[in-house]
Amino acid sequence: MQTKQTILVWDAPTRLFHWLMVLCFAGAWLTAEGSRLLGVHLTLGYTMVALVAWRVLWGVIGTRYARFASFVRGPQAVLQHFRDLLSPAASHPVGHNPLGAVSIMLMLALTLLIVASGWVYFSGGPRLLKELHEASASLMLAVVGVHIAGVVFASLMQQENLARSMVNGRKQGKLTDAIRWNWWPVAVLLLGAVLSFWWLQWQSPLLSTTPAAGLSAGHDGDDD
């Protein structure tokens, strides 16, 4: 029987994706009111969609614990894990547990709903889409809150700082469970793509003109 030791579990691109999503969602939430920072708000939203698209690809071709096949489970497995949460015999997967997987998939889906509804609304869509946009963003915030609470709870149960593992990529496990490489070149390319997009958006005059136009179009007929 192998003893547990500190092993590499989360590759660099997966960790970078996680923190970029945190940054973008927090920034989009803080710039949601008013039109002065609407260009920043939309840029961050577009970035989140691109990140989700990348994550879907990496969930297919990425490292072991980044792949959806390694952590997405059916309702029965999720329910069983929930029942076992307080049991001494509860399983603690090296990667995401079934409940964590649910929150991850919800956040990916909500990101697409938030950005799609917001984009159509700002392009002249009905006010109903604005309400959907805001409601789905609020739901996303709730899911994030539950996710954070789950990480804290699991950290206490496993006696391991799971949030820190999403910084350094390392957790306690068997040596045979470790991934072999951090994949830093992919992380550098991902960060470079995001920063390049932000730079192009900053240079474009559309950053300050198009959002306001879209906002006016979306508010035609509204009584604000």
Protein backbone atom coordinates (compact mmCIF):
# COMPACT_ATOMS: atom_id res chain seq x y z
CA MET A 1 0.00 0.00 0.00
CA GLN A 2 1.41 3.35 -1.07
CA THR A 3 1.64 6.16 1.47
CA LYS A 4 0.22 9.53 0.50
CA GLN A 5 2.54 12.37 -0.37
CA THR A 6 2.37 15.73 -2.12
CA ILE A 7 1.73 15.17 -5.82
CA LEU A 8 0.91 17.28 -8.87
CA VAL A 9 -2.81 17.09 -9.68
CA TRP A 10 -3.90 20.34 -11.36
CA ASP A 11 -1.99 21.40 -14.45
CA ALA A 12 -1.05 25.06 -15.00
CA PRO A 13 -3.65 25.77 -17.74
CA THR A 14 -6.48 24.47 -15.52
CA ARG A 15 -5.35 26.63 -12.61
CA LEU A 16 -4.95 29.68 -14.83
CA PHE A 17 -8.44 29.14 -16.27
CA HIS A 18 -9.88 28.96 -12.77
CA TRP A 19 -8.39 32.26 -11.61
CA LEU A 20 -9.09 34.07 -14.89
CA MET A 21 -12.75 33.09 -14.53
CA VAL A 22 -12.74 34.39 -10.96
CA LEU A 23 -11.19 37.67 -12.09
CA CYS A 24 -13.52 38.10 -15.07
CA PHE A 25 -16.73 37.30 -13.18
CA ALA A 26 -15.79 39.57 -10.28
CA GLY A 27 -14.87 42.36 -12.69
CA ALA A 28 -18.05 41.92 -14.74
CA TRP A 29 -20.17 41.98 -11.57
CA LEU A 30 -18.50 45.19 -10.35
CA THR A 31 -18.93 46.94 -13.74
CA ALA A 32 -22.53 45.85 -14.33
CA GLU A 33 -24.15 49.14 -13.27
CA GLY A 34 -24.05 52.22 -15.46
CA SER A 35 -22.65 52.78 -18.93
CA ARG A 36 -19.25 54.32 -18.13
CA LEU A 37 -17.56 50.92 -17.72
CA LEU A 38 -19.87 48.97 -19.96
CA GLY A 39 -17.08 48.36 -22.46
CA VAL A 40 -15.03 46.68 -19.74
CA HIS A 41 -18.11 44.71 -18.66
CA LEU A 42 -18.67 43.36 -22.17
CA THR A 43 -14.98 42.62 -22.71
CA LEU A 44 -14.88 40.52 -19.56
CA GLY A 45 -18.04 38.71 -20.62
CA TYR A 46 -16.59 37.86 -24.03
CA THR A 47 -13.43 36.67 -22.31
CA MET A 48 -15.45 34.32 -20.11
CA VAL A 49 -17.13 32.74 -23.14
CA ALA A 50 -13.76 32.19 -24.80
CA LEU A 51 -12.44 30.67 -21.58
CA VAL A 52 -15.42 28.31 -21.37
CA ALA A 53 -14.82 27.24 -24.99
CA TRP A 54 -11.18 26.58 -24.14
CA ARG A 55 -12.16 24.66 -20.99
CA VAL A 56 -14.49 22.42 -22.97
CA LEU A 57 -11.62 21.58 -25.32
CA TRP A 58 -9.22 21.01 -22.43
CA GLY A 59 -11.87 18.88 -20.76
CA VAL A 60 -11.52 16.49 -23.68
CA ILE A 61 -7.80 16.55 -24.48
CA GLY A 62 -6.29 17.86 -21.22
CA THR A 63 -4.55 16.11 -18.36
CA ARG A 64 -6.16 13.35 -16.31
CA TYR A 65 -8.04 15.37 -13.70
CA ALA A 66 -8.94 18.20 -16.09
CA ARG A 67 -10.91 15.84 -18.33
CA PHE A 68 -14.67 15.76 -17.86
CA ALA A 69 -14.57 11.98 -18.05
CA SER A 70 -12.59 11.90 -14.79
CA PHE A 71 -15.08 13.80 -12.64
CA VAL A 72 -18.51 14.19 -14.28
CA ARG A 73 -20.81 11.57 -12.77
CA GLY A 74 -24.49 10.66 -12.92
CA PRO A 75 -27.20 11.65 -10.41
CA GLN A 76 -26.80 8.42 -8.42
CA ALA A 77 -23.10 9.03 -7.77
CA VAL A 78 -23.77 12.65 -6.82
CA LEU A 79 -26.52 11.62 -4.39
CA GLN A 80 -24.34 8.90 -2.87
CA HIS A 81 -21.48 11.33 -2.35
CA PHE A 82 -23.87 13.78 -0.68
CA ARG A 83 -25.10 11.06 1.69
CA ASP A 84 -21.53 10.10 2.59
CA LEU A 85 -20.31 13.65 3.29
CA LEU A 86 -20.23 13.25 7.06
CA SER A 87 -19.30 9.59 7.04
CA PRO A 88 -15.78 8.54 8.06
CA ALA A 89 -15.88 6.21 5.09
CA ALA A 90 -16.57 9.01 2.61
CA SER A 91 -14.40 8.87 -0.48
CA HIS A 92 -12.13 11.78 -1.34
CA PRO A 93 -11.18 11.70 -5.02
CA VAL A 94 -7.82 13.11 -5.98
CA GLY A 95 -9.55 15.34 -8.53
CA HIS A 96 -13.01 16.93 -8.32
CA ASN A 97 -15.63 15.11 -6.28
CA PRO A 98 -19.13 14.55 -7.78
CA LEU A 99 -20.66 17.56 -6.00
CA GLY A 100 -17.82 19.80 -7.09
CA ALA A 101 -18.34 18.58 -10.64
CA VAL A 102 -22.00 19.68 -10.49
CA SER A 103 -21.03 23.21 -9.48
CA ILE A 104 -18.38 23.37 -12.20
CA MET A 105 -20.77 22.31 -14.94
CA LEU A 106 -23.41 24.74 -13.64
CA MET A 107 -20.93 27.62 -13.73
CA LEU A 108 -19.85 26.79 -17.26
CA ALA A 109 -23.48 26.62 -18.45
CA LEU A 110 -24.48 29.79 -16.59
CA THR A 111 -21.56 31.67 -18.12
CA LEU A 112 -22.91 30.94 -21.59
CA LEU A 113 -26.45 31.93 -20.56
CA ILE A 114 -25.30 35.17 -18.93
CA VAL A 115 -23.22 36.31 -21.87
CA ALA A 116 -25.70 35.20 -24.55
CA SER A 117 -28.63 36.98 -22.90
CA GLY A 118 -26.55 40.10 -22.26
CA TRP A 119 -25.19 40.22 -25.80
CA VAL A 120 -28.62 39.88 -27.42
CA TYR A 121 -30.10 42.48 -25.06
CA PHE A 122 -27.35 45.04 -25.74
CA SER A 123 -27.78 44.36 -29.45
CA GLY A 124 -31.36 45.57 -29.24
CA GLY A 125 -33.20 42.66 -27.67
CA PRO A 126 -36.26 42.93 -25.40
CA ARG A 127 -36.04 43.93 -21.75
CA LEU A 128 -36.94 40.38 -20.76
CA LEU A 129 -33.42 39.38 -21.77
CA LYS A 130 -31.96 42.00 -19.41
CA GLU A 131 -33.92 40.42 -16.57
CA LEU A 132 -32.72 36.97 -17.62
CA HIS A 133 -29.17 38.29 -17.78
CA GLU A 134 -29.34 39.72 -14.27
CA ALA A 135 -31.15 36.70 -12.81
CA SER A 136 -28.65 34.24 -14.26
CA ALA A 137 -25.76 36.39 -12.96
CA SER A 138 -27.32 36.32 -9.49
CA LEU A 139 -27.73 32.55 -9.74
CA MET A 140 -24.09 32.30 -10.78
CA LEU A 141 -23.09 34.27 -7.68
CA ALA A 142 -25.11 31.85 -5.54
CA VAL A 143 -23.47 28.84 -7.17
CA VAL A 144 -20.05 30.40 -6.60
CA GLY A 145 -20.94 30.90 -2.94
CA VAL A 146 -22.01 27.27 -2.57
CA HIS A 147 -18.86 26.16 -4.39
CA ILE A 148 -16.64 28.14 -2.00
CA ALA A 149 -18.53 26.75 1.00
CA GLY A 150 -18.07 23.25 -0.41
CA VAL A 151 -14.33 23.78 -0.82
CA VAL A 152 -14.04 24.99 2.78
CA PHE A 153 -16.09 22.05 4.05
CA ALA A 154 -14.12 19.50 2.04
CA SER A 155 -10.84 21.08 3.19
CA LEU A 156 -11.88 20.61 6.81
CA MET A 157 -13.04 17.04 6.24
CA GLN A 158 -9.89 16.06 4.35
CA GLN A 159 -7.61 18.19 6.53
CA GLU A 160 -6.08 19.67 3.42
CA ASN A 161 -6.16 23.19 1.95
CA LEU A 162 -7.96 22.56 -1.34
CA ALA A 163 -7.96 26.23 -2.34
CA ARG A 164 -4.16 26.27 -2.14
CA SER A 165 -4.03 23.27 -4.46
CA MET A 166 -5.63 25.43 -7.16
CA VAL A 167 -2.65 27.77 -6.77
CA ASN A 168 0.28 25.36 -6.67
CA GLY A 169 -1.48 22.42 -8.32
CA ARG A 170 -0.52 19.99 -5.57
CA LYS A 171 -2.57 17.74 -3.27
CA GLN A 172 -2.03 14.72 -1.07
CA GLY A 173 -2.22 11.42 -2.94
CA LYS A 174 -0.41 8.35 -4.11
CA LEU A 175 2.60 8.83 -6.34
CA THR A 176 0.90 6.79 -9.08
CA ASP A 177 -2.00 9.29 -9.08
CA ALA A 178 0.17 12.27 -10.04
CA ILE A 179 0.09 13.89 -13.46
CA ARG A 180 3.48 14.06 -15.13
CA TRP A 181 3.71 17.62 -16.42
CA ASN A 182 2.40 21.10 -15.60
CA TRP A 183 1.87 22.09 -19.25
CA TRP A 184 3.21 25.60 -18.70
CA PRO A 185 3.52 26.37 -22.46
CA VAL A 186 -0.25 25.94 -22.85
CA ALA A 187 -0.86 28.20 -19.85
CA VAL A 188 1.44 30.86 -21.32
CA LEU A 189 -0.41 30.70 -24.65
CA LEU A 190 -3.77 30.96 -22.90
CA LEU A 191 -2.68 33.97 -20.85
CA GLY A 192 -1.13 35.57 -23.93
CA ALA A 193 -4.37 35.14 -25.88
CA VAL A 194 -6.44 36.74 -23.09
CA LEU A 195 -4.06 39.67 -22.62
CA SER A 196 -3.86 40.22 -26.39
CA PHE A 197 -7.65 40.31 -26.63
CA TRP A 198 -7.84 42.82 -23.79
CA TRP A 199 -5.18 44.98 -25.45
CA LEU A 200 -7.05 44.94 -28.77
CA GLN A 201 -10.28 45.84 -27.02
CA TRP A 202 -8.55 48.70 -25.22
CA GLN A 203 -7.17 50.04 -28.52
CA SER A 204 -10.51 49.86 -30.30
CA PRO A 205 -12.74 52.97 -30.30
CA LEU A 206 -15.68 50.57 -30.30
CA LEU A 207 -14.97 49.92 -26.63
CA SER A 208 -16.49 53.26 -25.74
CA THR A 209 -19.01 53.77 -28.55
CA THR A 210 -20.67 50.44 -29.34
CA PRO A 211 -21.79 49.52 -25.81
CA ALA A 212 -23.60 52.83 -25.34
CA ALA A 213 -25.31 52.42 -28.68
CA GLY A 214 -26.32 48.90 -27.81
CA LEU A 215 -27.62 50.02 -24.44
CA SER A 216 -29.81 52.66 -26.05
CA ALA A 217 -31.13 50.17 -28.57
CA GLY A 218 -31.89 47.69 -25.84
CA HIS A 219 -33.81 50.31 -23.85
CA ASP A 220 -36.08 51.44 -26.68
CA GLY A 221 -39.58 51.44 -25.36
CA ASP A 222 -38.50 50.89 -21.72
CA ASP A 223 -39.79 53.10 -18.91
CA ASP A 224 -36.73 53.51 -16.68
